[in-house]
């Protein structure tokens, strides 16, 4: 199920980036950017809640997934990188709820940005052994409808 959720996120990011470019590489995990723009989506943590234990009065058949992830836009032109970052951020700000059908079942995803302290951001880039660049952190919850 998590694979399908990330595929749907990829589609959302591709839609968000259409004003920037008709074709953009959206991938999972670390991908490199050549001359073309690219965006990578990476999972930070995942919490399946198959019984809906944190949702009061829900049928036991419903399942819920909570997770956080980050999005790293890449481009060799920094101003274009900023534009790409802004498009993605604006998309999820304007569309914080999404509904999808996966395998004949309907799901809803609620997404919100995460505030990340500068110290944590520094540790993030030190651990990746990369120079600082724009990155978007999000938390999401996907539930059966």
N, C-alpha and C. Protein backbone atom coordinates (compact mmCIF):
# COMPACT_ATOMS: atom_id res chain seq x y z
N UNK A 1 0.82 -1.20 0.00
CA UNK A 1 0.00 0.00 0.00
C UNK A 1 0.87 1.26 0.00
N UNK A 2 1.96 1.22 0.75
CA UNK A 2 2.82 2.41 0.82
C UNK A 2 3.38 2.77 -0.56
N UNK A 3 3.69 1.76 -1.36
CA UNK A 3 4.17 2.02 -2.72
C UNK A 3 3.15 2.80 -3.52
N UNK A 4 1.90 2.38 -3.45
CA UNK A 4 0.84 3.05 -4.20
C UNK A 4 0.63 4.48 -3.71
N UNK A 5 0.75 4.70 -2.41
CA UNK A 5 0.62 6.05 -1.86
C UNK A 5 1.70 6.95 -2.42
N UNK A 6 2.93 6.45 -2.47
CA UNK A 6 4.03 7.27 -3.00
C UNK A 6 3.90 7.48 -4.50
N UNK A 7 3.34 6.53 -5.21
CA UNK A 7 3.06 6.73 -6.64
C UNK A 7 2.06 7.86 -6.82
N UNK A 8 1.03 7.89 -5.98
CA UNK A 8 0.03 8.97 -6.05
C UNK A 8 0.67 10.31 -5.69
N UNK A 9 1.55 10.32 -4.69
CA UNK A 9 2.27 11.56 -4.35
C UNK A 9 3.10 12.04 -5.54
N UNK A 10 3.73 11.11 -6.23
CA UNK A 10 4.52 11.43 -7.41
C UNK A 10 3.65 12.10 -8.47
N UNK A 11 2.45 11.58 -8.67
CA UNK A 11 1.53 12.18 -9.64
C UNK A 11 1.15 13.60 -9.21
N UNK A 12 0.92 13.80 -7.91
CA UNK A 12 0.57 15.14 -7.42
C UNK A 12 1.72 16.12 -7.65
N UNK A 13 2.94 15.67 -7.39
CA UNK A 13 4.11 16.54 -7.58
C UNK A 13 4.30 16.85 -9.06
N UNK A 14 4.10 15.87 -9.92
CA UNK A 14 4.20 16.10 -11.36
C UNK A 14 3.18 17.14 -11.80
N UNK A 15 1.95 17.04 -11.29
CA UNK A 15 0.93 18.06 -11.60
C UNK A 15 1.34 19.43 -11.10
N UNK A 16 1.90 19.48 -9.90
CA UNK A 16 2.31 20.76 -9.31
C UNK A 16 3.39 21.43 -10.15
N UNK A 17 4.25 20.65 -10.78
CA UNK A 17 5.40 21.18 -11.52
C UNK A 17 5.10 21.48 -12.97
N UNK A 18 3.88 21.25 -13.45
CA UNK A 18 3.55 21.48 -14.86
C UNK A 18 3.81 22.92 -15.32
N UNK A 19 3.54 23.93 -14.48
CA UNK A 19 3.87 25.29 -14.95
C UNK A 19 5.38 25.49 -15.17
N UNK A 20 6.18 24.69 -14.51
CA UNK A 20 7.64 24.79 -14.64
C UNK A 20 8.13 24.04 -15.87
N UNK A 21 7.62 22.81 -16.04
CA UNK A 21 8.08 21.97 -17.14
C UNK A 21 7.05 20.89 -17.42
N UNK A 22 6.84 20.59 -18.68
CA UNK A 22 5.90 19.52 -19.05
C UNK A 22 6.44 18.15 -18.62
N UNK A 23 7.76 18.01 -18.60
CA UNK A 23 8.38 16.74 -18.22
C UNK A 23 9.39 16.99 -17.11
N UNK A 24 9.14 16.36 -15.99
CA UNK A 24 10.05 16.48 -14.85
C UNK A 24 10.26 15.09 -14.27
N UNK A 25 11.47 14.78 -13.87
CA UNK A 25 11.77 13.48 -13.28
C UNK A 25 11.41 13.50 -11.81
N UNK A 26 10.42 12.69 -11.44
CA UNK A 26 10.04 12.54 -10.03
C UNK A 26 10.37 11.10 -9.67
N UNK A 27 11.23 10.95 -8.66
CA UNK A 27 11.67 9.62 -8.27
C UNK A 27 11.65 9.44 -6.78
N UNK A 28 11.98 8.23 -6.37
CA UNK A 28 11.97 7.88 -4.96
C UNK A 28 13.39 7.58 -4.53
N UNK A 29 13.73 8.05 -3.35
CA UNK A 29 15.09 7.89 -2.88
C UNK A 29 15.98 8.93 -3.54
N UNK A 30 17.25 8.74 -3.48
CA UNK A 30 18.20 9.71 -3.99
C UNK A 30 18.31 9.58 -5.51
N UNK A 31 17.98 10.67 -6.19
CA UNK A 31 18.18 10.73 -7.64
C UNK A 31 19.00 11.97 -7.92
N UNK A 32 19.76 11.93 -8.97
CA UNK A 32 20.62 13.07 -9.27
C UNK A 32 19.97 13.93 -10.34
N UNK A 33 20.36 15.18 -10.38
CA UNK A 33 19.85 16.10 -11.37
C UNK A 33 20.96 16.49 -12.32
N UNK A 34 20.72 16.26 -13.57
CA UNK A 34 21.65 16.74 -14.59
C UNK A 34 21.21 18.12 -15.01
N UNK A 35 20.97 18.30 -16.29
CA UNK A 35 20.49 19.59 -16.77
C UNK A 35 19.00 19.74 -16.55
N UNK A 36 18.28 18.62 -16.45
CA UNK A 36 16.85 18.68 -16.24
C UNK A 36 16.53 18.79 -14.75
N UNK A 37 15.35 19.32 -14.48
CA UNK A 37 14.89 19.39 -13.10
C UNK A 37 14.48 17.99 -12.64
N UNK A 38 14.65 17.74 -11.37
CA UNK A 38 14.19 16.47 -10.80
C UNK A 38 13.71 16.71 -9.38
N UNK A 39 12.91 15.80 -8.91
CA UNK A 39 12.37 15.87 -7.56
C UNK A 39 12.43 14.47 -6.97
N UNK A 40 12.95 14.37 -5.75
CA UNK A 40 12.95 13.06 -5.08
C UNK A 40 12.06 13.13 -3.84
N UNK A 41 11.39 12.01 -3.59
CA UNK A 41 10.50 11.86 -2.44
C UNK A 41 11.09 10.74 -1.59
N UNK A 42 11.26 11.00 -0.30
CA UNK A 42 11.84 9.98 0.57
C UNK A 42 11.04 9.89 1.87
N UNK A 43 10.79 8.67 2.30
CA UNK A 43 10.08 8.39 3.53
C UNK A 43 10.99 8.62 4.73
N UNK A 44 10.47 9.26 5.78
CA UNK A 44 11.23 9.42 7.02
C UNK A 44 10.79 8.39 8.05
N UNK A 45 9.48 8.32 8.30
CA UNK A 45 8.97 7.29 9.22
C UNK A 45 7.58 6.89 8.80
N UNK A 46 7.16 5.74 9.28
CA UNK A 46 5.89 5.16 8.87
C UNK A 46 5.25 4.47 10.06
N UNK A 47 3.95 4.72 10.26
CA UNK A 47 3.22 4.10 11.36
C UNK A 47 1.91 3.55 10.85
N UNK A 48 1.84 2.26 10.59
CA UNK A 48 0.54 1.69 10.19
C UNK A 48 -0.37 1.61 11.41
N UNK A 49 -1.60 1.97 11.23
CA UNK A 49 -2.59 1.90 12.30
C UNK A 49 -3.78 1.15 11.73
N UNK A 50 -3.62 -0.14 11.54
CA UNK A 50 -4.61 -0.93 10.83
C UNK A 50 -5.95 -1.04 11.55
N UNK A 51 -5.96 -0.88 12.85
CA UNK A 51 -7.22 -0.97 13.58
C UNK A 51 -7.89 0.36 13.78
N UNK A 52 -7.28 1.44 13.35
CA UNK A 52 -7.86 2.75 13.57
C UNK A 52 -7.90 3.11 15.05
N UNK A 53 -6.91 2.67 15.82
CA UNK A 53 -6.95 2.83 17.27
C UNK A 53 -6.93 4.29 17.73
N UNK A 54 -6.44 5.19 16.92
CA UNK A 54 -6.38 6.61 17.31
C UNK A 54 -7.56 7.41 16.78
N UNK A 55 -8.48 6.73 16.14
CA UNK A 55 -9.67 7.40 15.61
C UNK A 55 -10.86 6.89 16.39
N UNK A 56 -11.54 7.75 17.14
CA UNK A 56 -12.67 7.28 17.95
C UNK A 56 -13.85 6.82 17.08
N UNK A 57 -14.53 5.78 17.53
CA UNK A 57 -15.76 5.28 16.94
C UNK A 57 -15.65 4.96 15.46
N UNK A 58 -14.59 4.29 15.05
CA UNK A 58 -14.48 3.88 13.65
C UNK A 58 -14.64 2.38 13.55
N UNK A 59 -15.18 1.92 12.45
CA UNK A 59 -15.28 0.47 12.28
C UNK A 59 -13.90 -0.16 12.23
N UNK A 60 -13.78 -1.38 12.70
CA UNK A 60 -12.48 -2.03 12.74
C UNK A 60 -11.94 -2.35 11.35
N UNK A 61 -12.79 -2.28 10.31
CA UNK A 61 -12.36 -2.59 8.95
C UNK A 61 -11.52 -1.46 8.34
N UNK A 62 -11.58 -0.27 8.91
CA UNK A 62 -10.83 0.85 8.36
C UNK A 62 -9.36 0.73 8.71
N UNK A 63 -8.53 1.18 7.80
CA UNK A 63 -7.10 1.20 8.09
C UNK A 63 -6.57 2.62 7.90
N UNK A 64 -5.50 2.92 8.60
CA UNK A 64 -4.92 4.25 8.56
C UNK A 64 -3.41 4.11 8.49
N UNK A 65 -2.79 4.97 7.73
CA UNK A 65 -1.34 5.02 7.64
C UNK A 65 -0.90 6.43 8.00
N UNK A 66 0.01 6.55 8.94
CA UNK A 66 0.61 7.84 9.26
C UNK A 66 2.07 7.79 8.89
N UNK A 67 2.56 8.82 8.26
CA UNK A 67 3.96 8.84 7.88
C UNK A 67 4.44 10.26 7.65
N UNK A 68 5.74 10.42 7.67
CA UNK A 68 6.33 11.71 7.31
C UNK A 68 7.35 11.44 6.21
N UNK A 69 7.53 12.45 5.38
CA UNK A 69 8.42 12.31 4.24
C UNK A 69 8.99 13.68 3.88
N UNK A 70 9.98 13.67 3.03
CA UNK A 70 10.52 14.94 2.54
C UNK A 70 10.66 14.90 1.03
N UNK A 71 10.65 16.09 0.47
CA UNK A 71 10.74 16.28 -0.97
C UNK A 71 11.94 17.18 -1.23
N UNK A 72 12.84 16.71 -2.10
CA UNK A 72 14.01 17.51 -2.45
C UNK A 72 13.95 17.83 -3.94
N UNK A 73 13.63 19.08 -4.29
CA UNK A 73 13.70 19.49 -5.70
C UNK A 73 15.17 19.74 -6.07
N UNK A 74 15.52 19.46 -7.31
CA UNK A 74 16.90 19.67 -7.76
C UNK A 74 16.91 20.35 -9.12
N UNK A 75 17.81 21.28 -9.27
CA UNK A 75 18.05 21.94 -10.55
C UNK A 75 19.39 22.64 -10.46
N UNK A 76 20.12 22.71 -11.56
CA UNK A 76 21.44 23.34 -11.51
C UNK A 76 21.35 24.87 -11.49
N UNK A 77 20.21 25.45 -11.82
CA UNK A 77 19.98 26.89 -11.74
C UNK A 77 19.22 27.17 -10.44
N UNK A 78 19.83 27.87 -9.50
CA UNK A 78 19.25 28.05 -8.17
C UNK A 78 17.90 28.78 -8.22
N UNK A 79 17.76 29.77 -9.08
CA UNK A 79 16.48 30.49 -9.16
C UNK A 79 15.36 29.57 -9.66
N UNK A 80 15.68 28.70 -10.59
CA UNK A 80 14.69 27.73 -11.06
C UNK A 80 14.37 26.72 -9.97
N UNK A 81 15.37 26.38 -9.18
CA UNK A 81 15.17 25.48 -8.04
C UNK A 81 14.20 26.11 -7.04
N UNK A 82 14.36 27.39 -6.78
CA UNK A 82 13.44 28.08 -5.87
C UNK A 82 12.02 28.08 -6.42
N UNK A 83 11.90 28.32 -7.73
CA UNK A 83 10.57 28.33 -8.36
C UNK A 83 9.91 26.95 -8.24
N UNK A 84 10.68 25.92 -8.48
CA UNK A 84 10.18 24.55 -8.37
C UNK A 84 9.73 24.24 -6.94
N UNK A 85 10.52 24.66 -5.97
CA UNK A 85 10.18 24.47 -4.56
C UNK A 85 8.87 25.17 -4.22
N UNK A 86 8.74 26.39 -4.72
CA UNK A 86 7.52 27.17 -4.46
C UNK A 86 6.29 26.51 -5.07
N UNK A 87 6.41 25.97 -6.28
CA UNK A 87 5.28 25.31 -6.94
C UNK A 87 4.80 24.10 -6.14
N UNK A 88 5.74 23.30 -5.67
CA UNK A 88 5.38 22.11 -4.91
C UNK A 88 4.73 22.50 -3.58
N UNK A 89 5.34 23.44 -2.89
CA UNK A 89 4.81 23.90 -1.61
C UNK A 89 3.41 24.48 -1.77
N UNK A 90 3.22 25.30 -2.78
CA UNK A 90 1.91 25.92 -3.02
C UNK A 90 0.85 24.87 -3.34
N UNK A 91 1.24 23.86 -4.10
CA UNK A 91 0.29 22.81 -4.48
C UNK A 91 -0.29 22.13 -3.23
N UNK A 92 0.58 21.73 -2.31
CA UNK A 92 0.10 21.03 -1.13
C UNK A 92 -0.56 21.98 -0.13
N UNK A 93 -0.24 23.25 -0.19
CA UNK A 93 -0.92 24.24 0.66
C UNK A 93 -2.35 24.44 0.17
N UNK A 94 -2.54 24.46 -1.14
CA UNK A 94 -3.87 24.66 -1.72
C UNK A 94 -4.69 23.38 -1.76
N UNK A 95 -4.02 22.24 -1.71
CA UNK A 95 -4.70 20.95 -1.82
C UNK A 95 -4.22 20.03 -0.69
N UNK A 96 -4.61 20.34 0.58
CA UNK A 96 -4.12 19.52 1.70
C UNK A 96 -4.84 18.18 1.85
N UNK A 97 -5.97 18.01 1.14
CA UNK A 97 -6.70 16.75 1.19
C UNK A 97 -6.84 16.20 -0.22
N UNK A 98 -6.55 14.92 -0.36
CA UNK A 98 -6.65 14.26 -1.65
C UNK A 98 -7.39 12.95 -1.49
N UNK A 99 -8.17 12.60 -2.49
CA UNK A 99 -8.86 11.31 -2.48
C UNK A 99 -8.40 10.51 -3.68
N UNK A 100 -8.14 9.23 -3.45
CA UNK A 100 -7.65 8.34 -4.50
C UNK A 100 -8.38 7.01 -4.41
N UNK A 101 -8.39 6.32 -5.53
CA UNK A 101 -8.86 4.95 -5.57
C UNK A 101 -7.66 4.08 -5.90
N UNK A 102 -7.38 3.14 -5.03
CA UNK A 102 -6.27 2.21 -5.23
C UNK A 102 -6.82 0.81 -5.03
N UNK A 103 -6.71 0.00 -6.06
CA UNK A 103 -7.18 -1.38 -5.96
C UNK A 103 -8.66 -1.49 -5.65
N UNK A 104 -9.46 -0.57 -6.17
CA UNK A 104 -10.90 -0.61 -5.95
C UNK A 104 -11.37 -0.03 -4.63
N UNK A 105 -10.45 0.39 -3.76
CA UNK A 105 -10.82 1.00 -2.48
C UNK A 105 -10.52 2.49 -2.53
N UNK A 106 -11.33 3.26 -1.82
CA UNK A 106 -11.13 4.71 -1.78
C UNK A 106 -10.37 5.10 -0.52
N UNK A 107 -9.44 6.03 -0.70
CA UNK A 107 -8.62 6.52 0.40
C UNK A 107 -8.59 8.04 0.37
N UNK A 108 -8.38 8.60 1.54
CA UNK A 108 -8.19 10.05 1.65
C UNK A 108 -6.86 10.30 2.34
N UNK A 109 -6.11 11.27 1.80
CA UNK A 109 -4.85 11.63 2.43
C UNK A 109 -4.92 13.08 2.86
N UNK A 110 -4.55 13.32 4.10
CA UNK A 110 -4.40 14.67 4.64
C UNK A 110 -2.91 14.92 4.76
N UNK A 111 -2.46 16.05 4.27
CA UNK A 111 -1.02 16.36 4.27
C UNK A 111 -0.81 17.75 4.85
N UNK A 112 0.24 17.90 5.64
CA UNK A 112 0.59 19.21 6.19
C UNK A 112 2.10 19.34 6.29
N UNK A 113 2.55 20.57 6.15
CA UNK A 113 4.00 20.80 6.22
C UNK A 113 4.48 20.68 7.66
N UNK A 114 5.75 20.33 7.79
CA UNK A 114 6.36 20.20 9.12
C UNK A 114 7.35 21.34 9.31
N UNK A 115 7.32 21.92 10.47
CA UNK A 115 8.30 22.94 10.85
C UNK A 115 9.54 22.21 11.35
N UNK A 116 10.68 22.48 10.75
CA UNK A 116 11.92 21.80 11.12
C UNK A 116 12.92 22.84 11.65
N UNK A 117 13.37 22.69 12.89
CA UNK A 117 14.34 23.64 13.45
C UNK A 117 15.65 23.62 12.66
N UNK A 118 16.34 24.74 12.67
CA UNK A 118 17.59 24.88 11.92
C UNK A 118 18.62 23.84 12.35
N UNK A 119 18.71 23.54 13.63
CA UNK A 119 19.67 22.54 14.11
C UNK A 119 19.40 21.17 13.49
N UNK A 120 18.13 20.79 13.42
CA UNK A 120 17.75 19.51 12.82
C UNK A 120 18.06 19.54 11.32
N UNK A 121 17.79 20.67 10.70
CA UNK A 121 18.08 20.82 9.27
C UNK A 121 19.58 20.66 9.00
N UNK A 122 20.40 21.26 9.86
CA UNK A 122 21.86 21.10 9.72
C UNK A 122 22.27 19.63 9.86
N UNK A 123 21.71 18.94 10.84
CA UNK A 123 22.02 17.53 11.04
C UNK A 123 21.56 16.69 9.84
N UNK A 124 20.43 17.06 9.28
CA UNK A 124 19.90 16.37 8.10
C UNK A 124 20.91 16.40 6.95
N UNK A 125 21.44 17.59 6.66
CA UNK A 125 22.37 17.73 5.53
C UNK A 125 23.75 17.17 5.86
N UNK A 126 24.16 17.25 7.11
CA UNK A 126 25.45 16.65 7.51
C UNK A 126 25.37 15.13 7.34
N UNK A 127 24.27 14.53 7.76
CA UNK A 127 24.11 13.08 7.64
C UNK A 127 24.09 12.65 6.17
N UNK A 128 23.56 13.48 5.30
CA UNK A 128 23.51 13.15 3.88
C UNK A 128 24.83 13.47 3.15
N UNK A 129 25.72 14.17 3.85
CA UNK A 129 27.01 14.59 3.28
C UNK A 129 26.82 15.39 1.99
N UNK A 130 25.84 16.30 2.05
CA UNK A 130 25.52 17.16 0.92
C UNK A 130 25.42 18.60 1.40
N UNK A 131 25.65 19.57 0.51
CA UNK A 131 25.45 20.96 0.91
C UNK A 131 23.96 21.26 1.09
N UNK A 132 23.66 22.25 1.90
CA UNK A 132 22.28 22.65 2.13
C UNK A 132 21.62 23.06 0.82
N UNK A 133 20.35 22.74 0.71
CA UNK A 133 19.54 23.17 -0.42
C UNK A 133 18.08 23.12 0.04
N UNK A 134 17.18 23.69 -0.73
CA UNK A 134 15.77 23.66 -0.31
C UNK A 134 15.25 22.24 -0.18
N UNK A 135 14.49 22.02 0.87
CA UNK A 135 13.87 20.73 1.12
C UNK A 135 12.53 20.99 1.81
N UNK A 136 11.53 20.20 1.47
CA UNK A 136 10.19 20.35 2.05
C UNK A 136 9.89 19.12 2.90
N UNK A 137 9.49 19.34 4.14
CA UNK A 137 9.14 18.24 5.05
C UNK A 137 7.63 18.22 5.25
N UNK A 138 7.05 17.03 5.18
CA UNK A 138 5.60 16.88 5.33
C UNK A 138 5.26 15.71 6.23
N UNK A 139 4.08 15.78 6.83
CA UNK A 139 3.50 14.64 7.52
C UNK A 139 2.17 14.37 6.86
N UNK A 140 1.79 13.11 6.82
CA UNK A 140 0.56 12.74 6.13
C UNK A 140 -0.15 11.61 6.86
N UNK A 141 -1.43 11.53 6.61
CA UNK A 141 -2.24 10.46 7.18
C UNK A 141 -3.19 10.00 6.07
N UNK A 142 -3.15 8.72 5.76
CA UNK A 142 -4.01 8.13 4.74
C UNK A 142 -5.00 7.20 5.43
N UNK A 143 -6.28 7.38 5.12
CA UNK A 143 -7.32 6.57 5.75
C UNK A 143 -8.27 6.02 4.69
N UNK A 144 -8.86 4.87 4.99
CA UNK A 144 -9.94 4.33 4.16
C UNK A 144 -11.12 5.30 4.24
N UNK A 145 -11.87 5.35 3.16
CA UNK A 145 -13.10 6.14 3.19
C UNK A 145 -14.28 5.19 3.28
